[in-house]
Protein backbone atom coordinates (compact mmCIF):
# COMPACT_ATOMS: atom_id res chain seq x y z
CA MET A 1 86.03 93.42 85.95
CA ARG A 2 85.70 93.83 82.21
CA ASP A 3 88.53 95.50 80.28
CA ILE A 4 86.88 98.36 78.34
CA THR A 5 90.07 99.46 76.59
CA ASN A 6 89.74 96.52 74.22
CA PRO A 7 86.05 96.54 73.24
CA LYS A 8 84.51 93.12 72.73
CA PRO A 9 80.89 92.48 71.88
CA LEU A 10 78.53 91.40 74.62
CA ILE A 11 76.18 88.73 73.37
CA PHE A 12 72.48 89.17 74.11
CA PRO A 13 69.76 86.77 72.99
CA GLU A 14 68.51 89.08 70.22
CA LYS A 15 71.51 91.24 69.33
CA SER A 16 75.09 92.06 70.21
CA LEU A 17 76.35 95.32 71.68
CA THR A 18 79.89 96.66 71.56
CA LEU A 19 80.99 98.83 74.48
CA ARG A 20 83.37 101.62 73.53
CA PRO A 21 84.17 104.36 76.08
CA ASP A 22 84.93 106.89 73.32
CA GLN A 23 81.29 106.75 72.18
CA TRP A 24 80.24 108.81 75.20
CA PRO A 25 82.48 111.89 75.19
CA TYR A 26 79.95 114.01 77.07
CA GLN A 27 79.28 114.11 80.77
CA THR A 28 76.34 112.30 82.26
CA ARG A 29 73.44 114.16 83.83
CA PHE A 30 74.62 112.98 87.26
CA THR A 31 78.09 114.48 86.72
CA LEU A 32 76.64 117.78 85.56
CA ILE A 33 74.40 118.00 88.61
CA LEU A 34 77.36 117.44 90.92
CA GLU A 35 79.34 120.25 89.29
CA SER A 36 76.95 122.91 90.56
CA ALA A 37 77.92 125.64 93.03
CA PRO A 38 79.43 124.72 96.43
CA SER A 39 76.99 123.64 99.12
CA GLN A 40 75.97 125.45 102.28
CA SER A 41 73.65 122.61 103.28
CA VAL A 42 76.23 120.04 104.44
CA ASN A 43 78.54 120.60 107.41
CA LEU A 44 81.48 118.44 108.47
CA HIS A 45 82.55 118.18 112.13
CA ARG A 46 85.12 115.99 113.88
CA LEU A 47 83.95 114.85 117.30
CA SER A 48 86.53 115.69 119.97
CA ASP A 49 88.56 113.80 122.58
CA SER A 50 87.99 110.06 122.78
CA ASP A 51 85.83 110.10 119.64
CA SER A 52 88.55 111.62 117.47
CA GLU A 53 88.06 108.96 114.77
CA VAL A 54 84.38 109.92 114.44
CA VAL A 55 83.35 112.45 111.81
CA GLU A 56 79.84 113.92 111.85
CA VAL A 57 78.15 115.09 108.66
CA SER A 58 75.17 117.36 109.33
CA LEU A 59 72.50 117.98 106.72
CA GLU A 60 71.44 121.61 107.16
CA SER A 61 68.55 122.32 104.82
CA PRO A 62 65.43 122.50 107.00
CA GLN A 63 63.47 124.61 104.51
CA VAL A 64 63.22 121.52 102.26
CA ARG A 65 63.33 118.98 105.12
CA ASN A 66 66.86 117.92 104.12
CA ALA A 67 65.71 116.64 100.74
CA ILE A 68 68.70 115.62 98.61
CA GLY A 69 68.76 118.07 95.71
CA LYS A 70 71.59 119.46 93.57
CA ASP A 71 73.09 121.56 96.35
CA MET A 72 72.94 118.72 98.85
CA LEU A 73 74.49 116.25 96.36
CA LYS A 74 77.40 118.61 95.69
CA GLY A 75 77.92 119.13 99.40
CA LEU A 76 77.83 115.41 100.11
CA GLN A 77 80.27 114.70 97.29
CA ASN A 78 82.74 117.31 98.59
CA THR A 79 82.33 116.06 102.15
CA PHE A 80 82.85 112.40 101.25
CA ASP A 81 85.91 113.34 99.15
CA ALA A 82 87.38 115.16 102.16
CA ILE A 83 86.65 112.22 104.46
CA SER A 84 88.17 109.69 102.07
CA ASN A 85 91.42 111.69 102.08
CA ASP A 86 91.54 111.69 105.90
CA SER A 87 93.13 108.45 107.14
CA SER A 88 92.20 109.20 110.77
CA ALA A 89 88.44 109.16 110.06
CA ASN A 90 87.13 105.66 110.76
CA VAL A 91 83.47 106.32 111.60
CA LEU A 92 80.98 108.52 109.74
CA LEU A 93 77.88 109.77 111.56
CA ILE A 94 75.22 111.41 109.36
CA THR A 95 72.70 113.61 111.18
């Protein structure tokens, strides 16, 4: 992995480019999309009994045939964050 705290030029055949993280102080479009309102289109369920390590993520947006839009992205991000913080979840089932 490249250390971006000490910017060094990358050499390309025609020109060089210096990477500096402070050049991009603004959020990316992707980040702005994910900061929209909370989602009602993604549900998280833990399967019971013997399948206790299995977590089911249900996409619940039939009006748009579960297309992944802003709301769905935000819901998926929140859901995956919750799952990553749960050490007992070993299997993810997306329906």
